[in-house]
Amino acid sequence: MSLRCIDPGLFTTVQDPGQPGRRAWGVPLRGPFDRESHAIANALVGNEPGCSTLELTGFGGEFETETPLALGFAGADMPLQVDGISLRPHGQSFTLRPGQRLRIGYRRRGWRGYLAVIGGWTNPRKREQPLRTGDLVLAESSQTVARWILDAPDDPSPIRLIDGPDVIAFEPISWSERTWRVHSSSTRMGIILEGAQINLAIDPNRVSTPVLPGSIQLAGGLPILLGVAGGTMGGYPHVGQVITADLDRLGQLAPGDEIQFHRIEVSEARRLDHQRRIQLTKRLRTIRSFCSIGRGH
């Protein structure tokens, strides 16, 4: 009972919730880059957020099923076709029948899409190891009715951040006056930005300090946004930290996208995080409730 990879796309991986709580031992978080979209894809087939999904980057590829599979897709706007017939765009659940081929095309908006299956993908794989042509992704046979959710609109607003430890002793950086472009060599480890440089006097003998996803470090005066697969310690100046409420937006930044930042206070960041957690919990509960109707084997 499996999904066969005919075309692996640009970079497709199996993503579980990652390894939280191990950073003190030097273990990166990993897991889905856009955790909200990962959770929504799971909710579309009635799963809890902890089930594994396929994270599809830029171009999803092509797959063929050997058994009925109830699938949910969310995240980037990628065109979906089953045996050449287009499905509705974005957030949806549907059943792939034995022998049918699912093609997930090049993204039209966003950068990462998430493909869930009832019960989650069950085969173990090394984290950060992309699928290859001919690989089998295992899952239990399942089916569901087709359902759709309303797509969330694009958020063109600046990404919000708080000061990093290497800015505290200096004048705050005027983030709102600068625009950066996402470099094509960006990965799950880090998003490289190009554009206006930041000149900040930092002690060259500073020791490495802890960092985490969303940390903004300066390399040659340009920012690097650490991703979910980034390391746990860094020697570059740590000048900012993307707030938790905006972290998932980093996973949808595509090469060539232009972004700006907006600095806020820690108290506001905490309020926004609390608000977003409540809203997402309610949304996932609602999606699971109506997508569980018609779910079967």
Foldseek 3Di string as FASTA:
>chain_A
DWKAAAWAADFKDKFFQADPPCVVVWAFRAGAQQLLLLQLFQLLQLHGSRAIWIKAFQFGHKIADQAKWKKWKAFFFWWKDKQNHTDDTHTKIFIHHHGIMIGTGGTPAFTIMIMATVVHFPDDDPGRDGDDHGDITDDDHWGFHMDGDDDDDDDQDFFEKAWDPLPVVDDADPQQVWKWFFAQPADQQKTWTDGDFADDDDDLPDDKDFDHAQFWFADPRTTIGGHRNHIGIDDGDGTIGGQPLCSSVVNRRHGGDMHTYDYDDPVVSVVSVVVSVVVSVVVSVVSNVVSNVGIGD
